[in-house]
N, C-alpha and C. Protein backbone atom coordinates (compact mmCIF):
# COMPACT_ATOMS: atom_id res chain seq x y z
N MET A 1 10.47 -19.67 -121.05
CA MET A 1 10.79 -21.08 -121.02
C MET A 1 10.00 -21.84 -122.09
N LEU A 2 8.77 -21.41 -122.31
CA LEU A 2 7.96 -22.10 -123.32
C LEU A 2 8.60 -22.01 -124.71
N GLU A 3 9.18 -20.84 -125.01
CA GLU A 3 9.81 -20.67 -126.31
C GLU A 3 10.97 -21.64 -126.49
N GLN A 4 11.69 -21.92 -125.40
CA GLN A 4 12.81 -22.85 -125.47
C GLN A 4 12.33 -24.27 -125.75
N LEU A 5 11.14 -24.61 -125.32
CA LEU A 5 10.60 -25.94 -125.57
C LEU A 5 9.91 -26.03 -126.93
N ILE A 6 9.22 -24.95 -127.31
CA ILE A 6 8.46 -24.98 -128.55
C ILE A 6 9.37 -24.94 -129.77
N GLY A 7 10.47 -24.19 -129.69
CA GLY A 7 11.38 -24.07 -130.82
C GLY A 7 11.87 -25.42 -131.35
N PRO A 8 12.44 -26.28 -130.51
CA PRO A 8 12.89 -27.58 -131.01
C PRO A 8 11.77 -28.46 -131.54
N ILE A 9 10.59 -28.36 -130.92
CA ILE A 9 9.46 -29.18 -131.37
C ILE A 9 9.02 -28.75 -132.76
N THR A 10 8.90 -27.44 -132.96
CA THR A 10 8.49 -26.97 -134.29
C THR A 10 9.58 -27.23 -135.31
N GLY A 11 10.84 -27.28 -134.88
CA GLY A 11 11.92 -27.64 -135.80
C GLY A 11 11.81 -29.09 -136.24
N LEU A 12 11.34 -29.95 -135.36
CA LEU A 12 11.15 -31.36 -135.72
C LEU A 12 9.98 -31.57 -136.67
N LEU A 13 9.02 -30.66 -136.64
CA LEU A 13 7.87 -30.80 -137.53
C LEU A 13 8.29 -30.82 -138.99
N GLY A 14 9.31 -30.04 -139.33
CA GLY A 14 9.79 -30.00 -140.71
C GLY A 14 10.31 -31.33 -141.20
N LYS A 15 10.77 -32.16 -140.29
CA LYS A 15 11.29 -33.48 -140.67
C LYS A 15 10.17 -34.48 -140.93
N PHE A 16 9.02 -34.26 -140.33
CA PHE A 16 7.93 -35.23 -140.44
C PHE A 16 6.76 -34.75 -141.29
N VAL A 17 6.59 -33.44 -141.41
CA VAL A 17 5.46 -32.89 -142.16
C VAL A 17 6.01 -32.17 -143.39
N GLU A 18 5.59 -32.61 -144.55
CA GLU A 18 6.09 -32.04 -145.81
C GLU A 18 5.40 -30.72 -146.16
N ASP A 19 4.08 -30.66 -145.96
CA ASP A 19 3.30 -29.50 -146.35
C ASP A 19 3.61 -28.32 -145.42
N LYS A 20 4.04 -27.19 -146.01
CA LYS A 20 4.44 -26.03 -145.24
C LYS A 20 3.26 -25.42 -144.47
N ASP A 21 2.08 -25.36 -145.10
CA ASP A 21 0.91 -24.80 -144.42
C ASP A 21 0.49 -25.66 -143.23
N GLN A 22 0.52 -26.97 -143.44
CA GLN A 22 0.16 -27.88 -142.34
C GLN A 22 1.19 -27.78 -141.21
N LYS A 23 2.46 -27.66 -141.58
CA LYS A 23 3.51 -27.52 -140.57
C LYS A 23 3.31 -26.24 -139.76
N ASN A 24 2.99 -25.13 -140.43
CA ASN A 24 2.74 -23.87 -139.72
C ASN A 24 1.51 -23.96 -138.84
N ALA A 25 0.47 -24.63 -139.31
CA ALA A 25 -0.74 -24.79 -138.51
C ALA A 25 -0.46 -25.62 -137.26
N LEU A 26 0.31 -26.68 -137.41
CA LEU A 26 0.67 -27.51 -136.25
C LEU A 26 1.54 -26.73 -135.27
N ALA A 27 2.48 -25.97 -135.79
CA ALA A 27 3.35 -25.17 -134.92
C ALA A 27 2.52 -24.15 -134.15
N HIS A 28 1.57 -23.52 -134.81
CA HIS A 28 0.70 -22.56 -134.14
C HIS A 28 -0.16 -23.24 -133.07
N GLU A 29 -0.67 -24.41 -133.38
CA GLU A 29 -1.49 -25.14 -132.41
C GLU A 29 -0.68 -25.53 -131.18
N ILE A 30 0.56 -25.96 -131.40
CA ILE A 30 1.43 -26.32 -130.28
C ILE A 30 1.69 -25.10 -129.41
N ALA A 31 1.99 -23.97 -130.05
CA ALA A 31 2.25 -22.75 -129.28
C ALA A 31 1.01 -22.31 -128.52
N THR A 32 -0.16 -22.42 -129.14
CA THR A 32 -1.40 -22.03 -128.49
C THR A 32 -1.70 -22.93 -127.30
N LEU A 33 -1.51 -24.22 -127.46
CA LEU A 33 -1.74 -25.15 -126.35
C LEU A 33 -0.78 -24.87 -125.20
N ALA A 34 0.47 -24.57 -125.53
CA ALA A 34 1.45 -24.28 -124.49
C ALA A 34 1.07 -23.01 -123.74
N GLN A 35 0.62 -21.98 -124.45
CA GLN A 35 0.21 -20.74 -123.80
C GLN A 35 -1.02 -20.97 -122.90
N LYS A 36 -1.98 -21.76 -123.38
CA LYS A 36 -3.16 -22.05 -122.57
C LYS A 36 -2.76 -22.78 -121.28
N GLU A 37 -1.84 -23.71 -121.39
CA GLU A 37 -1.37 -24.45 -120.22
C GLU A 37 -0.65 -23.51 -119.25
N ALA A 38 0.14 -22.60 -119.77
CA ALA A 38 0.85 -21.63 -118.91
C ALA A 38 -0.15 -20.73 -118.19
N HIS A 39 -1.18 -20.28 -118.89
CA HIS A 39 -2.20 -19.43 -118.26
C HIS A 39 -2.97 -20.20 -117.19
N LYS A 40 -3.26 -21.47 -117.46
CA LYS A 40 -3.97 -22.29 -116.48
C LYS A 40 -3.11 -22.47 -115.22
N ASN A 41 -1.82 -22.72 -115.40
CA ASN A 41 -0.93 -22.88 -114.25
C ASN A 41 -0.81 -21.58 -113.46
N ALA A 42 -0.75 -20.44 -114.16
CA ALA A 42 -0.68 -19.15 -113.47
C ALA A 42 -1.96 -18.90 -112.67
N ALA A 43 -3.11 -19.24 -113.23
CA ALA A 43 -4.37 -19.06 -112.51
C ALA A 43 -4.43 -19.96 -111.28
N LEU A 44 -3.95 -21.18 -111.39
CA LEU A 44 -3.93 -22.07 -110.23
C LEU A 44 -3.00 -21.54 -109.16
N GLN A 45 -1.85 -20.99 -109.55
CA GLN A 45 -0.93 -20.42 -108.58
C GLN A 45 -1.55 -19.20 -107.89
N LEU A 46 -2.29 -18.41 -108.62
CA LEU A 46 -2.99 -17.27 -108.01
C LEU A 46 -4.00 -17.73 -106.97
N ASP A 47 -4.70 -18.83 -107.25
CA ASP A 47 -5.65 -19.37 -106.28
C ASP A 47 -4.94 -19.81 -105.00
N VAL A 48 -3.77 -20.45 -105.16
CA VAL A 48 -2.98 -20.86 -103.99
C VAL A 48 -2.53 -19.63 -103.21
N ASN A 49 -2.06 -18.60 -103.93
CA ASN A 49 -1.61 -17.38 -103.27
C ASN A 49 -2.75 -16.72 -102.49
N LYS A 50 -3.95 -16.69 -103.07
CA LYS A 50 -5.10 -16.09 -102.38
C LYS A 50 -5.44 -16.88 -101.12
N ALA A 51 -5.40 -18.20 -101.21
CA ALA A 51 -5.71 -19.02 -100.03
C ALA A 51 -4.67 -18.82 -98.94
N GLU A 52 -3.40 -18.72 -99.31
CA GLU A 52 -2.35 -18.49 -98.32
C GLU A 52 -2.52 -17.12 -97.67
N ALA A 53 -2.80 -16.10 -98.46
CA ALA A 53 -2.93 -14.75 -97.92
C ALA A 53 -4.13 -14.61 -96.99
N ALA A 54 -5.18 -15.38 -97.23
CA ALA A 54 -6.38 -15.30 -96.40
C ALA A 54 -6.29 -16.13 -95.13
N HIS A 55 -5.26 -16.94 -95.01
CA HIS A 55 -5.12 -17.83 -93.86
C HIS A 55 -4.91 -17.04 -92.58
N LYS A 56 -5.47 -17.53 -91.46
CA LYS A 56 -5.39 -16.82 -90.19
C LYS A 56 -4.04 -17.00 -89.49
N SER A 57 -3.32 -18.05 -89.83
CA SER A 57 -2.04 -18.32 -89.18
C SER A 57 -0.95 -17.40 -89.74
N LEU A 58 -0.15 -16.84 -88.84
CA LEU A 58 0.96 -15.99 -89.24
C LEU A 58 2.00 -16.76 -90.03
N PHE A 59 2.16 -18.05 -89.74
CA PHE A 59 3.17 -18.84 -90.42
C PHE A 59 2.78 -19.19 -91.86
N VAL A 60 1.52 -19.09 -92.18
CA VAL A 60 1.08 -19.34 -93.55
C VAL A 60 0.94 -18.03 -94.31
N ALA A 61 0.26 -17.07 -93.73
CA ALA A 61 0.00 -15.80 -94.42
C ALA A 61 1.12 -14.80 -94.22
N GLY A 62 2.00 -15.03 -93.26
CA GLY A 62 3.00 -14.03 -92.93
C GLY A 62 4.35 -14.19 -93.60
N TRP A 63 4.53 -15.22 -94.41
CA TRP A 63 5.86 -15.41 -94.98
C TRP A 63 6.19 -14.35 -96.01
N ARG A 64 5.22 -13.86 -96.76
CA ARG A 64 5.50 -12.82 -97.75
C ARG A 64 5.89 -11.50 -97.05
N PRO A 65 5.12 -11.06 -96.06
CA PRO A 65 5.56 -9.84 -95.36
C PRO A 65 6.93 -10.01 -94.71
N PHE A 66 7.21 -11.20 -94.17
CA PHE A 66 8.51 -11.43 -93.57
C PHE A 66 9.64 -11.26 -94.58
N ILE A 67 9.47 -11.84 -95.77
CA ILE A 67 10.48 -11.70 -96.81
C ILE A 67 10.59 -10.24 -97.24
N GLY A 68 9.47 -9.56 -97.33
CA GLY A 68 9.50 -8.14 -97.69
C GLY A 68 10.25 -7.31 -96.67
N TRP A 69 9.99 -7.55 -95.37
CA TRP A 69 10.70 -6.81 -94.34
C TRP A 69 12.19 -7.13 -94.34
N CYS A 70 12.54 -8.39 -94.57
CA CYS A 70 13.97 -8.75 -94.64
C CYS A 70 14.66 -8.03 -95.79
N CYS A 71 14.02 -8.02 -96.95
CA CYS A 71 14.61 -7.32 -98.10
C CYS A 71 14.69 -5.83 -97.84
N GLY A 72 13.64 -5.25 -97.28
CA GLY A 72 13.64 -3.82 -97.00
C GLY A 72 14.70 -3.43 -95.98
N LEU A 73 14.84 -4.22 -94.92
CA LEU A 73 15.86 -3.93 -93.92
C LEU A 73 17.26 -4.12 -94.49
N GLY A 74 17.43 -5.15 -95.33
CA GLY A 74 18.74 -5.36 -95.97
C GLY A 74 19.11 -4.20 -96.88
N LEU A 75 18.14 -3.69 -97.63
CA LEU A 75 18.40 -2.55 -98.50
C LEU A 75 18.66 -1.29 -97.67
N LEU A 76 17.90 -1.09 -96.60
CA LEU A 76 18.12 0.06 -95.72
C LEU A 76 19.54 0.02 -95.16
N TYR A 77 19.96 -1.14 -94.71
CA TYR A 77 21.30 -1.28 -94.15
C TYR A 77 22.36 -1.00 -95.20
N SER A 78 22.24 -1.63 -96.37
CA SER A 78 23.31 -1.52 -97.36
C SER A 78 23.37 -0.15 -98.03
N VAL A 79 22.23 0.56 -98.11
CA VAL A 79 22.22 1.85 -98.80
C VAL A 79 22.42 3.02 -97.83
N LEU A 80 21.82 2.96 -96.65
CA LEU A 80 21.89 4.10 -95.74
C LEU A 80 22.76 3.86 -94.50
N LEU A 81 22.46 2.80 -93.77
CA LEU A 81 23.11 2.62 -92.48
C LEU A 81 24.59 2.27 -92.59
N ALA A 82 24.94 1.31 -93.42
CA ALA A 82 26.34 0.89 -93.52
C ALA A 82 27.25 2.03 -93.97
N PRO A 83 26.90 2.77 -95.02
CA PRO A 83 27.78 3.89 -95.40
C PRO A 83 27.89 4.97 -94.32
N LEU A 84 26.78 5.24 -93.63
CA LEU A 84 26.82 6.25 -92.58
C LEU A 84 27.64 5.78 -91.38
N LEU A 85 27.40 4.56 -90.94
CA LEU A 85 28.12 4.03 -89.78
C LEU A 85 29.56 3.67 -90.10
N ASP A 86 29.86 3.51 -91.39
CA ASP A 86 31.23 3.17 -91.80
C ASP A 86 32.20 4.31 -91.52
N ILE A 87 31.66 5.50 -91.27
CA ILE A 87 32.51 6.63 -90.92
C ILE A 87 33.21 6.35 -89.59
N TRP A 88 32.48 5.74 -88.64
CA TRP A 88 33.03 5.49 -87.31
C TRP A 88 33.43 4.03 -87.08
N PHE A 89 32.71 3.11 -87.71
CA PHE A 89 32.96 1.68 -87.49
C PHE A 89 33.19 1.00 -88.83
N GLU A 90 33.90 -0.09 -88.80
CA GLU A 90 34.03 -0.90 -90.02
C GLU A 90 32.82 -1.83 -90.10
N MET A 91 31.94 -1.53 -91.05
CA MET A 91 30.69 -2.26 -91.17
C MET A 91 30.80 -3.34 -92.24
N PRO A 92 30.27 -4.52 -91.98
CA PRO A 92 30.28 -5.56 -93.03
C PRO A 92 29.31 -5.19 -94.16
N ALA A 93 29.68 -5.57 -95.36
CA ALA A 93 28.85 -5.26 -96.51
C ALA A 93 27.85 -6.40 -96.75
N ILE A 94 26.70 -6.04 -97.25
CA ILE A 94 25.69 -7.01 -97.65
C ILE A 94 25.65 -7.02 -99.17
N ASP A 95 25.67 -8.19 -99.74
CA ASP A 95 25.57 -8.31 -101.19
C ASP A 95 24.11 -8.09 -101.58
N SER A 96 23.78 -6.85 -101.96
CA SER A 96 22.38 -6.54 -102.25
C SER A 96 21.91 -7.13 -103.57
N SER A 97 22.82 -7.68 -104.38
CA SER A 97 22.38 -8.33 -105.62
C SER A 97 21.56 -9.59 -105.31
N ILE A 98 21.71 -10.11 -104.11
CA ILE A 98 20.90 -11.26 -103.69
C ILE A 98 19.48 -10.79 -103.35
N LEU A 99 19.37 -9.61 -102.75
CA LEU A 99 18.07 -9.10 -102.32
C LEU A 99 17.24 -8.52 -103.46
N MET A 100 17.90 -7.92 -104.43
CA MET A 100 17.19 -7.14 -105.44
C MET A 100 16.19 -7.94 -106.28
N PRO A 101 16.53 -9.14 -106.77
CA PRO A 101 15.51 -9.87 -107.55
C PRO A 101 14.26 -10.19 -106.73
N THR A 102 14.46 -10.55 -105.48
CA THR A 102 13.32 -10.84 -104.62
C THR A 102 12.51 -9.58 -104.35
N MET A 103 13.21 -8.49 -104.06
CA MET A 103 12.51 -7.26 -103.75
C MET A 103 11.77 -6.70 -104.97
N THR A 104 12.38 -6.73 -106.13
CA THR A 104 11.69 -6.21 -107.31
C THR A 104 10.48 -7.06 -107.65
N GLY A 105 10.58 -8.36 -107.46
CA GLY A 105 9.41 -9.21 -107.67
C GLY A 105 8.30 -8.89 -106.69
N MET A 106 8.68 -8.66 -105.44
CA MET A 106 7.66 -8.33 -104.44
C MET A 106 7.09 -6.94 -104.66
N LEU A 107 7.89 -6.02 -105.16
CA LEU A 107 7.37 -4.69 -105.46
C LEU A 107 6.37 -4.75 -106.61
N GLY A 108 6.59 -5.65 -107.53
CA GLY A 108 5.61 -5.86 -108.59
C GLY A 108 4.30 -6.34 -108.00
N LEU A 109 4.39 -7.25 -107.03
CA LEU A 109 3.18 -7.71 -106.34
C LEU A 109 2.57 -6.58 -105.53
N GLY A 110 3.41 -5.70 -104.98
CA GLY A 110 2.92 -4.55 -104.24
C GLY A 110 2.14 -3.61 -105.13
N ALA A 111 2.58 -3.48 -106.37
CA ALA A 111 1.85 -2.63 -107.32
C ALA A 111 0.47 -3.22 -107.58
N LEU A 112 0.39 -4.54 -107.65
CA LEU A 112 -0.92 -5.17 -107.81
C LEU A 112 -1.80 -4.91 -106.59
N ARG A 113 -1.19 -4.92 -105.42
CA ARG A 113 -1.93 -4.63 -104.18
C ARG A 113 -2.48 -3.20 -104.22
N SER A 114 -1.66 -2.26 -104.68
CA SER A 114 -2.12 -0.87 -104.80
C SER A 114 -3.26 -0.77 -105.79
N TYR A 115 -3.17 -1.51 -106.87
CA TYR A 115 -4.23 -1.53 -107.88
C TYR A 115 -5.52 -2.06 -107.25
N GLU A 116 -5.41 -3.12 -106.44
CA GLU A 116 -6.59 -3.66 -105.75
C GLU A 116 -7.22 -2.61 -104.84
N LYS A 117 -6.39 -1.87 -104.12
CA LYS A 117 -6.92 -0.84 -103.22
C LYS A 117 -7.63 0.26 -103.98
N VAL A 118 -7.07 0.67 -105.13
CA VAL A 118 -7.69 1.73 -105.93
C VAL A 118 -9.04 1.25 -106.46
N LYS A 119 -9.11 -0.03 -106.89
CA LYS A 119 -10.35 -0.56 -107.44
C LYS A 119 -11.36 -0.94 -106.35
N GLY A 120 -10.92 -0.93 -105.08
CA GLY A 120 -11.83 -1.23 -103.98
C GLY A 120 -12.10 -2.71 -103.79
N VAL A 121 -11.22 -3.56 -104.22
CA VAL A 121 -11.43 -5.01 -104.06
C VAL A 121 -10.47 -5.62 -103.06
N SER A 122 -9.69 -4.79 -102.36
CA SER A 122 -8.73 -5.35 -101.42
C SER A 122 -9.42 -5.76 -100.12
N ARG A 123 -8.81 -6.71 -99.44
CA ARG A 123 -9.35 -7.21 -98.19
C ARG A 123 -8.71 -6.41 -97.05
N GLU A 124 -9.52 -5.82 -96.21
CA GLU A 124 -9.04 -5.03 -95.08
C GLU A 124 -9.34 -5.75 -93.79
N LYS A 125 -8.43 -5.65 -92.82
CA LYS A 125 -8.66 -6.27 -91.51
C LYS A 125 -9.45 -5.33 -90.65
């Protein structure tokens, strides 16, 4: 998304700045500032995620596992159960293209969780 915003801005620099070196320096500075802001926002989101995960309430800390179980059960149904049960019953299909982006994103987070466990920094109950 940053590239979509930076491109038009750097294109406008050519209209206002005559010197090519100065224009390139300004474009680089804009890109660097945008990247720093994106990293700061990602770090803040990680802090929010850590606070949510550490919360004692199931309704705050449990929404991620709930979504994971829903995606896992949906995939189990659409890949194994529905085709098997379809031999005897007419089973409704689940559009797994809705589940897959969420599940792949969560699996990426799961890989980070595995990395935490290997490094010994994970929180255990």
